[in-house]
Amino acid sequence: MNTKNKFEFQPLPYSYDALEPYIDKLTLEIHHDKRHKAYYDNFLNAIKGTDMESMDIKNIFSNISKYPMAVRNNSGGYFNHTFYWKNMKAPGSELPTGKLSEAIVKSFSSFEEFKKQFSEAGKTRFGSGWAWLCLDDKGSLFICSTPNQDNPLMDIADKKGIPLLTMDVWEHAYYLKYQNKRPDYIDAFWNVVNWEKVSKRYETGLNSFK
């Protein structure tokens, strides 16, 4: 099987400078073309010649505890980054609307409180990792963070769920522009969230329970 066809390394859904001034062009170039591509290549190498070549990525995640650490780290790195690029867009004044907005208020009392809790999940993640907004198996929203390249679809996650929004808090996601000031990067991140994409993920997730 040609796993390169099954697991695709996708180009950024926007130009390298599209997220300026909040996320700089050079960071995006290195992050996508070098780091993300390395996870992709290493993931293909890690599953080569195994039954994982014919599996769906979410199937791999649901059994990740059975596989070598190279599979866990690189499948997560490949998937998490693909997901991350897609939940950002060129800066604008967009905010969540409709069903997602209602769900955020229901779960967190207000958008500002949600934003505070999500930001805190990123700020307090020790070392490297990710902050997530997810949908649980009861259709409710929750916030969590995962270490390294783990994600909430993996069977080793503290709390499993359907990812809706993620923020990369590895230093390489922000160091060139913000140095060690992770909170500054997190504040900037809110200017490039693609709420239309997050809303579609939310509605798709809800429909999966029907």
C-alpha atoms as a PDB file:
ATOM      1  CA  MET A   1       0.000   0.000   0.000  1.00  0.00           C
ATOM      2  CA  ASN A   2       1.165   3.506  -0.792  1.00  0.00           C
ATOM      3  CA  THR A   3       0.746   5.180   2.593  1.00  0.00           C
ATOM      4  CA  LYS A   4       1.666   8.548   1.103  1.00  0.00           C
ATOM      5  CA  ASN A   5      -1.668   8.452  -0.726  1.00  0.00           C
ATOM      6  CA  LYS A   6      -3.580   7.338   2.349  1.00  0.00           C
ATOM      7  CA  PHE A   7      -1.923   9.781   4.763  1.00  0.00           C
ATOM      8  CA  GLU A   8      -1.454  13.060   2.924  1.00  0.00           C
ATOM      9  CA  PHE A   9       0.927  15.858   3.844  1.00  0.00           C
ATOM     10  CA  GLN A  10      -1.199  18.864   2.998  1.00  0.00           C
ATOM     11  CA  PRO A  11      -0.005  22.364   2.133  1.00  0.00           C
ATOM     12  CA  LEU A  12      -0.996  25.211   4.425  1.00  0.00           C
ATOM     13  CA  PRO A  13      -4.560  26.386   3.693  1.00  0.00           C
ATOM     14  CA  TYR A  14      -3.232  29.975   3.411  1.00  0.00           C
ATOM     15  CA  SER A  15      -0.003  31.768   2.525  1.00  0.00           C
ATOM     16  CA  TYR A  16       2.940  31.782   4.930  1.00  0.00           C
ATOM     17  CA  ASP A  17       2.369  35.441   5.769  1.00  0.00           C
ATOM     18  CA  ALA A  18      -1.434  35.182   6.105  1.00  0.00           C
ATOM     19  CA  LEU A  19      -1.387  35.144   9.914  1.00  0.00           C
ATOM     20  CA  GLU A  20       0.861  38.188  10.294  1.00  0.00           C
ATOM     21  CA  PRO A  21       1.446  40.015  12.564  1.00  0.00           C
ATOM     22  CA  TYR A  22       0.269  37.463  15.124  1.00  0.00           C
ATOM     23  CA  ILE A  23       2.134  34.432  13.789  1.00  0.00           C
ATOM     24  CA  ASP A  24       5.085  35.347  11.608  1.00  0.00           C
ATOM     25  CA  LYS A  25       5.951  34.057   8.155  1.00  0.00           C
ATOM     26  CA  LEU A  26       9.294  32.481   9.083  1.00  0.00           C
ATOM     27  CA  THR A  27       7.779  30.554  11.999  1.00  0.00           C
ATOM     28  CA  LEU A  28       5.048  29.166   9.730  1.00  0.00           C
ATOM     29  CA  GLU A  29       7.549  28.151   7.051  1.00  0.00           C
ATOM     30  CA  ILE A  30       9.803  26.281   9.469  1.00  0.00           C
ATOM     31  CA  HIS A  31       6.947  24.864  11.532  1.00  0.00           C
ATOM     32  CA  HIS A  32       5.044  23.477   8.544  1.00  0.00           C
ATOM     33  CA  ASP A  33       7.745  22.623   6.016  1.00  0.00           C
ATOM     34  CA  LYS A  34      10.345  21.257   8.422  1.00  0.00           C
ATOM     35  CA  ARG A  35       8.816  20.153  11.713  1.00  0.00           C
ATOM     36  CA  HIS A  36       5.407  18.982  10.524  1.00  0.00           C
ATOM     37  CA  LYS A  37       6.949  17.313   7.466  1.00  0.00           C
ATOM     38  CA  ALA A  38       9.409  15.462   9.720  1.00  0.00           C
ATOM     39  CA  TYR A  39       6.554  14.081  11.832  1.00  0.00           C
ATOM     40  CA  TYR A  40       4.796  12.970   8.647  1.00  0.00           C
ATOM     41  CA  ASP A  41       7.863  11.217   7.223  1.00  0.00           C
ATOM     42  CA  ASN A  42       8.686   9.566  10.545  1.00  0.00           C
ATOM     43  CA  PHE A  43       5.071   8.435  10.943  1.00  0.00           C
ATOM     44  CA  LEU A  44       5.129   6.696   7.553  1.00  0.00           C
ATOM     45  CA  ASN A  45       8.416   5.024   8.448  1.00  0.00           C
ATOM     46  CA  ALA A  46       7.073   3.917  11.850  1.00  0.00           C
ATOM     47  CA  ILE A  47       4.048   2.117  10.351  1.00  0.00           C
ATOM     48  CA  LYS A  48       5.772   0.749   7.248  1.00  0.00           C
ATOM     49  CA  GLY A  49       5.206  -2.983   6.858  1.00  0.00           C
ATOM     50  CA  THR A  50       2.600  -3.151   9.655  1.00  0.00           C
ATOM     51  CA  ASP A  51      -1.177  -3.526   9.716  1.00  0.00           C
ATOM     52  CA  MET A  52      -1.377   0.175  10.584  1.00  0.00           C
ATOM     53  CA  GLU A  53      -0.719   1.006   6.931  1.00  0.00           C
ATOM     54  CA  SER A  54      -4.296  -0.027   6.149  1.00  0.00           C
ATOM     55  CA  MET A  55      -5.876   1.577   9.229  1.00  0.00           C
ATOM     56  CA  ASP A  56      -7.613   4.908   9.615  1.00  0.00           C
ATOM     57  CA  ILE A  57      -5.670   7.438  11.725  1.00  0.00           C
ATOM     58  CA  LYS A  58      -8.424   7.483  14.360  1.00  0.00           C
ATOM     59  CA  ASN A  59      -8.282   3.697  14.535  1.00  0.00           C
ATOM     60  CA  ILE A  60      -4.568   3.948  15.220  1.00  0.00           C
ATOM     61  CA  PHE A  61      -5.247   6.489  17.984  1.00  0.00           C
ATOM     62  CA  SER A  62      -7.893   4.291  19.616  1.00  0.00           C
ATOM     63  CA  ASN A  63      -5.244   1.555  19.989  1.00  0.00           C
ATOM     64  CA  ILE A  64      -2.184   3.769  20.440  1.00  0.00           C
ATOM     65  CA  SER A  65      -1.215   2.189  23.783  1.00  0.00           C
ATOM     66  CA  LYS A  66      -0.440  -1.037  21.902  1.00  0.00           C
ATOM     67  CA  TYR A  67       2.043   0.554  19.520  1.00  0.00           C
ATOM     68  CA  PRO A  68       5.671   1.730  19.814  1.00  0.00           C
ATOM     69  CA  MET A  69       6.359   5.245  21.069  1.00  0.00           C
ATOM     70  CA  ALA A  70       7.568   6.229  17.597  1.00  0.00           C
ATOM     71  CA  VAL A  71       4.042   5.628  16.295  1.00  0.00           C
ATOM     72  CA  ARG A  72       2.444   7.550  19.157  1.00  0.00           C
ATOM     73  CA  ASN A  73       4.725  10.576  18.833  1.00  0.00           C
ATOM     74  CA  ASN A  74       4.770  10.821  15.049  1.00  0.00           C
ATOM     75  CA  SER A  75       1.136   9.964  14.311  1.00  0.00           C
ATOM     76  CA  GLY A  76       0.171  12.602  16.862  1.00  0.00           C
ATOM     77  CA  GLY A  77       2.607  15.113  15.408  1.00  0.00           C
ATOM     78  CA  TYR A  78       1.255  14.499  11.916  1.00  0.00           C
ATOM     79  CA  PHE A  79      -2.437  14.717  12.886  1.00  0.00           C
ATOM     80  CA  ASN A  80      -2.223  17.507  15.489  1.00  0.00           C
ATOM     81  CA  HIS A  81      -0.418  19.879  13.155  1.00  0.00           C
ATOM     82  CA  THR A  82      -2.799  19.201  10.247  1.00  0.00           C
ATOM     83  CA  PHE A  83      -5.670  19.992  12.611  1.00  0.00           C
ATOM     84  CA  TYR A  84      -3.943  23.113  13.990  1.00  0.00           C
ATOM     85  CA  TRP A  85      -3.324  24.720  10.586  1.00  0.00           C
ATOM     86  CA  LYS A  86      -6.975  24.298   9.653  1.00  0.00           C
ATOM     87  CA  ASN A  87      -8.330  25.969  12.784  1.00  0.00           C
ATOM     88  CA  MET A  88      -6.558  29.238  11.942  1.00  0.00           C
ATOM     89  CA  LYS A  89      -7.195  31.886   9.294  1.00  0.00           C
ATOM     90  CA  ALA A  90      -6.172  35.418   8.348  1.00  0.00           C
ATOM     91  CA  PRO A  91      -6.844  37.878  11.200  1.00  0.00           C
ATOM     92  CA  GLY A  92     -10.370  39.231  11.522  1.00  0.00           C
ATOM     93  CA  SER A  93     -13.019  40.202  14.045  1.00  0.00           C
ATOM     94  CA  GLU A  94     -14.866  36.875  13.837  1.00  0.00           C
ATOM     95  CA  LEU A  95     -16.289  35.270  16.981  1.00  0.00           C
ATOM     96  CA  PRO A  96     -18.220  32.021  17.426  1.00  0.00           C
ATOM     97  CA  THR A  97     -21.898  32.236  16.516  1.00  0.00           C
ATOM     98  CA  GLY A  98     -24.979  30.031  16.423  1.00  0.00           C
ATOM     99  CA  LYS A  99     -24.996  26.625  18.083  1.00  0.00           C
ATOM    100  CA  LEU A 100     -21.317  26.732  19.029  1.00  0.00           C
ATOM    101  CA  SER A 101     -21.692  30.113  20.717  1.00  0.00           C
ATOM    102  CA  GLU A 102     -24.703  28.818  22.668  1.00  0.00           C
ATOM    103  CA  ALA A 103     -22.784  25.689  23.712  1.00  0.00           C
ATOM    104  CA  ILE A 104     -19.790  27.744  24.882  1.00  0.00           C
ATOM    105  CA  VAL A 105     -22.002  29.963  27.040  1.00  0.00           C
ATOM    106  CA  LYS A 106     -23.830  26.905  28.406  1.00  0.00           C
ATOM    107  CA  SER A 107     -20.588  25.127  29.318  1.00  0.00           C
ATOM    108  CA  PHE A 108     -18.428  28.048  30.473  1.00  0.00           C
ATOM    109  CA  SER A 109     -20.974  30.795  31.353  1.00  0.00           C
ATOM    110  CA  SER A 110     -19.491  33.223  28.781  1.00  0.00           C
ATOM    111  CA  PHE A 111     -17.104  33.391  25.839  1.00  0.00           C
ATOM    112  CA  GLU A 112     -14.639  35.375  27.957  1.00  0.00           C
ATOM    113  CA  GLU A 113     -14.618  32.681  30.626  1.00  0.00           C
ATOM    114  CA  PHE A 114     -14.073  29.999  27.964  1.00  0.00           C
ATOM    115  CA  LYS A 115     -11.220  32.030  26.506  1.00  0.00           C
ATOM    116  CA  LYS A 116      -9.679  32.421  29.965  1.00  0.00           C
ATOM    117  CA  GLN A 117      -9.888  28.681  30.726  1.00  0.00           C
ATOM    118  CA  PHE A 118      -8.552  27.631  27.317  1.00  0.00           C
ATOM    119  CA  SER A 119      -5.672  30.108  27.580  1.00  0.00           C
ATOM    120  CA  GLU A 120      -4.877  28.807  31.057  1.00  0.00           C
ATOM    121  CA  ALA A 121      -4.768  25.228  29.751  1.00  0.00           C
ATOM    122  CA  GLY A 122      -2.093  26.353  27.301  1.00  0.00           C
ATOM    123  CA  LYS A 123      -0.162  28.489  29.768  1.00  0.00           C
ATOM    124  CA  THR A 124       0.000  25.798  32.441  1.00  0.00           C
ATOM    125  CA  ARG A 125       0.895  22.859  30.183  1.00  0.00           C
ATOM    126  CA  PHE A 126       4.318  21.911  31.563  1.00  0.00           C
ATOM    127  CA  GLY A 127       6.924  21.557  28.843  1.00  0.00           C
ATOM    128  CA  SER A 128       5.555  20.955  25.364  1.00  0.00           C
ATOM    129  CA  GLY A 129       2.032  20.086  24.317  1.00  0.00           C
ATOM    130  CA  TRP A 130      -1.380  21.259  23.196  1.00  0.00           C
ATOM    131  CA  ALA A 131      -4.560  22.889  24.515  1.00  0.00           C
ATOM    132  CA  TRP A 132      -7.885  21.534  23.227  1.00  0.00           C
ATOM    133  CA  LEU A 133     -11.586  22.317  23.112  1.00  0.00           C
ATOM    134  CA  CYS A 134     -13.446  19.028  22.721  1.00  0.00           C
ATOM    135  CA  LEU A 135     -16.870  17.441  22.599  1.00  0.00           C
ATOM    136  CA  ASP A 136     -17.431  14.548  25.013  1.00  0.00           C
ATOM    137  CA  ASP A 137     -19.562  11.443  24.472  1.00  0.00           C
ATOM    138  CA  LYS A 138     -22.586  13.208  25.967  1.00  0.00           C
ATOM    139  CA  GLY A 139     -22.345  16.131  23.541  1.00  0.00           C
ATOM    140  CA  SER A 140     -20.893  18.563  26.094  1.00  0.00           C
ATOM    141  CA  LEU A 141     -17.858  20.805  25.639  1.00  0.00           C
ATOM    142  CA  PHE A 142     -14.717  20.485  27.731  1.00  0.00           C
ATOM    143  CA  ILE A 143     -11.195  21.925  27.765  1.00  0.00           C
ATOM    144  CA  CYS A 144      -8.056  19.868  28.286  1.00  0.00           C
ATOM    145  CA  SER A 145      -4.368  19.824  27.484  1.00  0.00           C
ATOM    146  CA  THR A 146      -2.123  16.988  26.358  1.00  0.00           C
ATOM    147  CA  PRO A 147       1.654  16.526  26.596  1.00  0.00           C
ATOM    148  CA  ASN A 148       4.053  16.182  23.679  1.00  0.00           C
ATOM    149  CA  GLN A 149       2.105  15.033  20.586  1.00  0.00           C
ATOM    150  CA  ASP A 150      -0.753  13.269  22.381  1.00  0.00           C
ATOM    151  CA  ASN A 151      -4.359  14.201  21.633  1.00  0.00           C
ATOM    152  CA  PRO A 152      -7.853  13.486  23.021  1.00  0.00           C
ATOM    153  CA  LEU A 153      -8.557  10.801  20.393  1.00  0.00           C
ATOM    154  CA  MET A 154      -5.858   8.541  21.835  1.00  0.00           C
ATOM    155  CA  ASP A 155      -6.762   5.732  24.206  1.00  0.00           C
ATOM    156  CA  ILE A 156      -4.153   7.022  26.676  1.00  0.00           C
ATOM    157  CA  ALA A 157      -5.799  10.461  27.013  1.00  0.00           C
ATOM    158  CA  ASP A 158      -6.918  11.469  30.515  1.00  0.00           C
ATOM    159  CA  LYS A 159     -10.258  12.421  28.971  1.00  0.00           C
ATOM    160  CA  LYS A 160     -11.176  11.362  25.462  1.00  0.00           C
ATOM    161  CA  GLY A 161     -13.305  13.457  23.118  1.00  0.00           C
ATOM    162  CA  ILE A 162     -13.805  14.855  19.637  1.00  0.00           C
ATOM    163  CA  PRO A 163     -11.343  17.741  19.043  1.00  0.00           C
ATOM    164  CA  LEU A 164     -12.867  21.037  17.886  1.00  0.00           C
ATOM    165  CA  LEU A 165     -10.059  23.550  18.440  1.00  0.00           C
ATOM    166  CA  THR A 166      -6.394  23.182  19.294  1.00  0.00           C
ATOM    167  CA  MET A 167      -3.459  25.432  20.115  1.00  0.00           C
ATOM    168  CA  ASP A 168       0.135  24.272  19.766  1.00  0.00           C
ATOM    169  CA  VAL A 169       2.181  25.353  22.805  1.00  0.00           C
ATOM    170  CA  TRP A 170       5.477  23.781  21.826  1.00  0.00           C
ATOM    171  CA  GLU A 171       8.138  26.515  21.868  1.00  0.00           C
ATOM    172  CA  HIS A 172       8.825  26.084  18.165  1.00  0.00           C
ATOM    173  CA  ALA A 173       5.262  27.380  17.498  1.00  0.00           C
ATOM    174  CA  TYR A 174       6.131  30.819  18.827  1.00  0.00           C
ATOM    175  CA  TYR A 175       9.792  31.188  19.863  1.00  0.00           C
ATOM    176  CA  LEU A 176      11.059  33.195  16.866  1.00  0.00           C
ATOM    177  CA  LYS A 177       8.572  35.999  17.497  1.00  0.00           C
ATOM    178  CA  TYR A 178       7.720  35.718  21.196  1.00  0.00           C
ATOM    179  CA  GLN A 179      10.888  34.064  22.583  1.00  0.00           C
ATOM    180  CA  ASN A 180       9.912  32.390  25.882  1.00  0.00           C
ATOM    181  CA  LYS A 181       6.758  34.507  26.351  1.00  0.00           C
ATOM    182  CA  ARG A 182       4.149  31.821  25.819  1.00  0.00           C
ATOM    183  CA  PRO A 183       1.323  33.985  27.257  1.00  0.00           C
ATOM    184  CA  ASP A 184       1.967  36.619  24.563  1.00  0.00           C
ATOM    185  CA  TYR A 185       1.657  33.986  21.837  1.00  0.00           C
ATOM    186  CA  ILE A 186      -1.552  32.673  23.427  1.00  0.00           C
ATOM    187  CA  ASP A 187      -3.037  36.183  23.482  1.00  0.00           C
ATOM    188  CA  ALA A 188      -2.129  36.572  19.804  1.00  0.00           C
ATOM    189  CA  PHE A 189      -3.615  33.188  18.877  1.00  0.00           C
ATOM    190  CA  TRP A 190      -7.169  34.439  19.497  1.00  0.00           C
ATOM    191  CA  ASN A 191      -6.810  36.848  16.573  1.00  0.00           C
ATOM    192  CA  VAL A 192      -6.399  34.019  14.052  1.00  0.00           C
ATOM    193  CA  VAL A 193      -8.939  31.396  15.187  1.00  0.00           C
ATOM    194  CA  ASN A 194     -11.151  30.166  12.341  1.00  0.00           C
ATOM    195  CA  TRP A 195     -14.471  30.036  14.195  1.00  0.00           C
ATOM    196  CA  GLU A 196     -16.361  28.993  11.088  1.00  0.00           C
ATOM    197  CA  LYS A 197     -14.213  25.847  10.918  1.00  0.00           C
ATOM    198  CA  VAL A 198     -14.609  25.177  14.645  1.00  0.00           C
ATOM    199  CA  SER A 199     -18.394  25.572  14.341  1.00  0.00           C
ATOM    200  CA  LYS A 200     -18.517  23.041  11.498  1.00  0.00           C
ATOM    201  CA  ARG A 201     -16.505  20.582  13.573  1.00  0.00           C
ATOM    202  CA  TYR A 202     -18.934  21.080  16.448  1.00  0.00           C
ATOM    203  CA  GLU A 203     -22.001  20.388  14.310  1.00  0.00           C
ATOM    204  CA  THR A 204     -20.327  17.377  12.663  1.00  0.00           C
ATOM    205  CA  GLY A 205     -19.462  16.049  16.124  1.00  0.00           C
ATOM    206  CA  LEU A 206     -23.030  16.468  17.351  1.00  0.00           C
ATOM    207  CA  ASN A 207     -24.359  14.685  14.263  1.00  0.00           C
ATOM    208  CA  SER A 208     -22.087  11.699  14.962  1.00  0.00           C
ATOM    209  CA  PHE A 209     -24.150  10.979  18.102  1.00  0.00           C
ATOM    210  CA  LYS A 210     -27.438  10.763  16.157  1.00  0.00           C
END
